[in-house]
Amino acid sequence: MTELAHRQQQQTGPTVWVLSTGEDHEGGEVLGVYASKEAAKGPFVEAAKRIPFDLDQAWQDEESGAVHAHGGCDWVSLEPHPLITAAQLA
């Protein structure tokens, strides 16, 4: 882990990767929560293969590293989220 990545993790806490799927304008469901993007790669590919239409878009967000696949009205996303380990101040 680079020094910058280590400092960012200390500031924001650990990150989990949330794999979800759904339909445009219909919401979605969480398929899994992973400790690393690497651990979620296989499940992401499998979920994208289950989209019943040809993929018309696939992209990665440069800033967050999130990956997305879209076909017809169905989508799959793998997105990083901070893991909350303490009570949050409102």
C-alpha atoms as a PDB file:
ATOM      1  CA  MET A   1       0.000   0.000   0.000  1.00  0.00           C
ATOM      2  CA  THR A   2       1.382   3.403  -0.940  1.00  0.00           C
ATOM      3  CA  GLU A   3       1.815   6.059   1.713  1.00  0.00           C
ATOM      4  CA  LEU A   4      -0.949   8.182   0.133  1.00  0.00           C
ATOM      5  CA  ALA A   5      -3.395   5.254   0.058  1.00  0.00           C
ATOM      6  CA  HIS A   6      -2.551   4.444   3.679  1.00  0.00           C
ATOM      7  CA  ARG A   7      -3.179   8.065   4.754  1.00  0.00           C
ATOM      8  CA  GLN A   8      -6.483   8.160   2.841  1.00  0.00           C
ATOM      9  CA  GLN A   9      -7.613   4.917   4.477  1.00  0.00           C
ATOM     10  CA  GLN A  10      -6.749   6.320   7.902  1.00  0.00           C
ATOM     11  CA  GLN A  11      -8.774   9.468   7.159  1.00  0.00           C
ATOM     12  CA  THR A  12     -11.809   7.722   5.687  1.00  0.00           C
ATOM     13  CA  GLY A  13     -11.580   4.284   7.253  1.00  0.00           C
ATOM     14  CA  PRO A  14     -11.660   0.983   5.370  1.00  0.00           C
ATOM     15  CA  THR A  15     -13.512   0.685   2.073  1.00  0.00           C
ATOM     16  CA  VAL A  16     -15.889  -2.091   1.011  1.00  0.00           C
ATOM     17  CA  TRP A  17     -16.983  -2.805  -2.556  1.00  0.00           C
ATOM     18  CA  VAL A  18     -20.735  -3.167  -3.086  1.00  0.00           C
ATOM     19  CA  LEU A  19     -21.931  -5.227  -6.048  1.00  0.00           C
ATOM     20  CA  SER A  20     -25.487  -4.407  -7.105  1.00  0.00           C
ATOM     21  CA  THR A  21     -27.823  -5.007 -10.023  1.00  0.00           C
ATOM     22  CA  GLY A  22     -31.162  -3.678 -11.162  1.00  0.00           C
ATOM     23  CA  GLU A  23     -33.241  -2.119 -13.885  1.00  0.00           C
ATOM     24  CA  ASP A  24     -33.300   1.518 -14.984  1.00  0.00           C
ATOM     25  CA  HIS A  25     -35.867   3.511 -12.986  1.00  0.00           C
ATOM     26  CA  GLU A  26     -36.835   0.380 -11.026  1.00  0.00           C
ATOM     27  CA  GLY A  27     -34.214   0.332  -8.279  1.00  0.00           C
ATOM     28  CA  GLY A  28     -31.932  -2.564  -7.570  1.00  0.00           C
ATOM     29  CA  GLU A  29     -30.582  -5.067  -5.117  1.00  0.00           C
ATOM     30  CA  VAL A  30     -27.255  -5.697  -3.448  1.00  0.00           C
ATOM     31  CA  LEU A  31     -25.648  -8.939  -4.623  1.00  0.00           C
ATOM     32  CA  GLY A  32     -22.677  -8.804  -2.271  1.00  0.00           C
ATOM     33  CA  VAL A  33     -20.259  -6.716  -0.243  1.00  0.00           C
ATOM     34  CA  TYR A  34     -16.545  -7.412  -0.723  1.00  0.00           C
ATOM     35  CA  ALA A  35     -13.405  -6.450   1.148  1.00  0.00           C
ATOM     36  CA  SER A  36     -11.569  -5.583  -2.078  1.00  0.00           C
ATOM     37  CA  LYS A  37     -12.247  -4.804  -5.713  1.00  0.00           C
ATOM     38  CA  GLU A  38     -10.116  -7.797  -6.661  1.00  0.00           C
ATOM     39  CA  ALA A  39     -12.345 -10.162  -4.656  1.00  0.00           C
ATOM     40  CA  ALA A  40     -15.434  -8.812  -6.446  1.00  0.00           C
ATOM     41  CA  LYS A  41     -14.132  -9.081 -10.024  1.00  0.00           C
ATOM     42  CA  GLY A  42     -15.400 -12.619 -10.668  1.00  0.00           C
ATOM     43  CA  PRO A  43     -18.861 -11.998  -9.196  1.00  0.00           C
ATOM     44  CA  PHE A  44     -19.105  -8.740 -11.193  1.00  0.00           C
ATOM     45  CA  VAL A  45     -18.335 -10.555 -14.456  1.00  0.00           C
ATOM     46  CA  GLU A  46     -20.867 -13.290 -13.645  1.00  0.00           C
ATOM     47  CA  ALA A  47     -23.563 -10.719 -12.821  1.00  0.00           C
ATOM     48  CA  ALA A  48     -22.850  -8.842 -16.070  1.00  0.00           C
ATOM     49  CA  LYS A  49     -23.189 -12.114 -18.023  1.00  0.00           C
ATOM     50  CA  ARG A  50     -26.686 -12.559 -16.555  1.00  0.00           C
ATOM     51  CA  ILE A  51     -27.912  -9.302 -18.135  1.00  0.00           C
ATOM     52  CA  PRO A  52     -30.432 -10.685 -20.646  1.00  0.00           C
ATOM     53  CA  PHE A  53     -29.579  -8.092 -23.310  1.00  0.00           C
ATOM     54  CA  ASP A  54     -26.388  -7.311 -25.219  1.00  0.00           C
ATOM     55  CA  LEU A  55     -24.201  -4.890 -23.279  1.00  0.00           C
ATOM     56  CA  ASP A  56     -24.489  -1.398 -24.718  1.00  0.00           C
ATOM     57  CA  GLN A  57     -22.134   0.279 -22.222  1.00  0.00           C
ATOM     58  CA  ALA A  58     -19.370  -0.667 -19.831  1.00  0.00           C
ATOM     59  CA  TRP A  59     -17.192   1.870 -18.055  1.00  0.00           C
ATOM     60  CA  GLN A  60     -14.988   2.609 -15.049  1.00  0.00           C
ATOM     61  CA  ASP A  61     -15.168   5.850 -13.075  1.00  0.00           C
ATOM     62  CA  GLU A  62     -11.672   7.295 -13.073  1.00  0.00           C
ATOM     63  CA  GLU A  63     -11.953   8.976  -9.695  1.00  0.00           C
ATOM     64  CA  SER A  64     -13.580   6.242  -7.596  1.00  0.00           C
ATOM     65  CA  GLY A  65     -12.596   3.121  -9.556  1.00  0.00           C
ATOM     66  CA  ALA A  66     -16.250   1.981  -9.659  1.00  0.00           C
ATOM     67  CA  VAL A  67     -17.154  -0.213 -12.626  1.00  0.00           C
ATOM     68  CA  HIS A  68     -20.499  -0.451 -14.385  1.00  0.00           C
ATOM     69  CA  ALA A  69     -22.128  -2.516 -17.139  1.00  0.00           C
ATOM     70  CA  HIS A  70     -25.431  -1.715 -18.839  1.00  0.00           C
ATOM     71  CA  GLY A  71     -27.559  -3.616 -21.336  1.00  0.00           C
ATOM     72  CA  GLY A  72     -31.091  -2.761 -22.402  1.00  0.00           C
ATOM     73  CA  CYS A  73     -32.617  -1.500 -19.172  1.00  0.00           C
ATOM     74  CA  ASP A  74     -30.520  -3.710 -16.855  1.00  0.00           C
ATOM     75  CA  TRP A  75     -27.324  -2.717 -15.064  1.00  0.00           C
ATOM     76  CA  VAL A  76     -24.614  -4.047 -12.766  1.00  0.00           C
ATOM     77  CA  SER A  77     -22.355  -1.834 -10.646  1.00  0.00           C
ATOM     78  CA  LEU A  78     -19.391  -2.379  -8.370  1.00  0.00           C
ATOM     79  CA  GLU A  79     -18.824   0.701  -6.228  1.00  0.00           C
ATOM     80  CA  PRO A  80     -16.568   1.572  -3.285  1.00  0.00           C
ATOM     81  CA  HIS A  81     -18.187   2.710  -0.031  1.00  0.00           C
ATOM     82  CA  PRO A  82     -16.549   3.662   3.269  1.00  0.00           C
ATOM     83  CA  LEU A  83     -17.116   1.130   6.013  1.00  0.00           C
ATOM     84  CA  ILE A  84     -18.702   2.876   9.008  1.00  0.00           C
ATOM     85  CA  THR A  85     -17.166   1.521  12.181  1.00  0.00           C
ATOM     86  CA  ALA A  86     -18.443   4.039  14.747  1.00  0.00           C
ATOM     87  CA  ALA A  87     -21.551   6.068  15.490  1.00  0.00           C
ATOM     88  CA  GLN A  88     -21.951   9.037  13.149  1.00  0.00           C
ATOM     89  CA  LEU A  89     -22.612  12.553  14.418  1.00  0.00           C
ATOM     90  CA  ALA A  90     -25.824  13.993  12.997  1.00  0.00           C
END
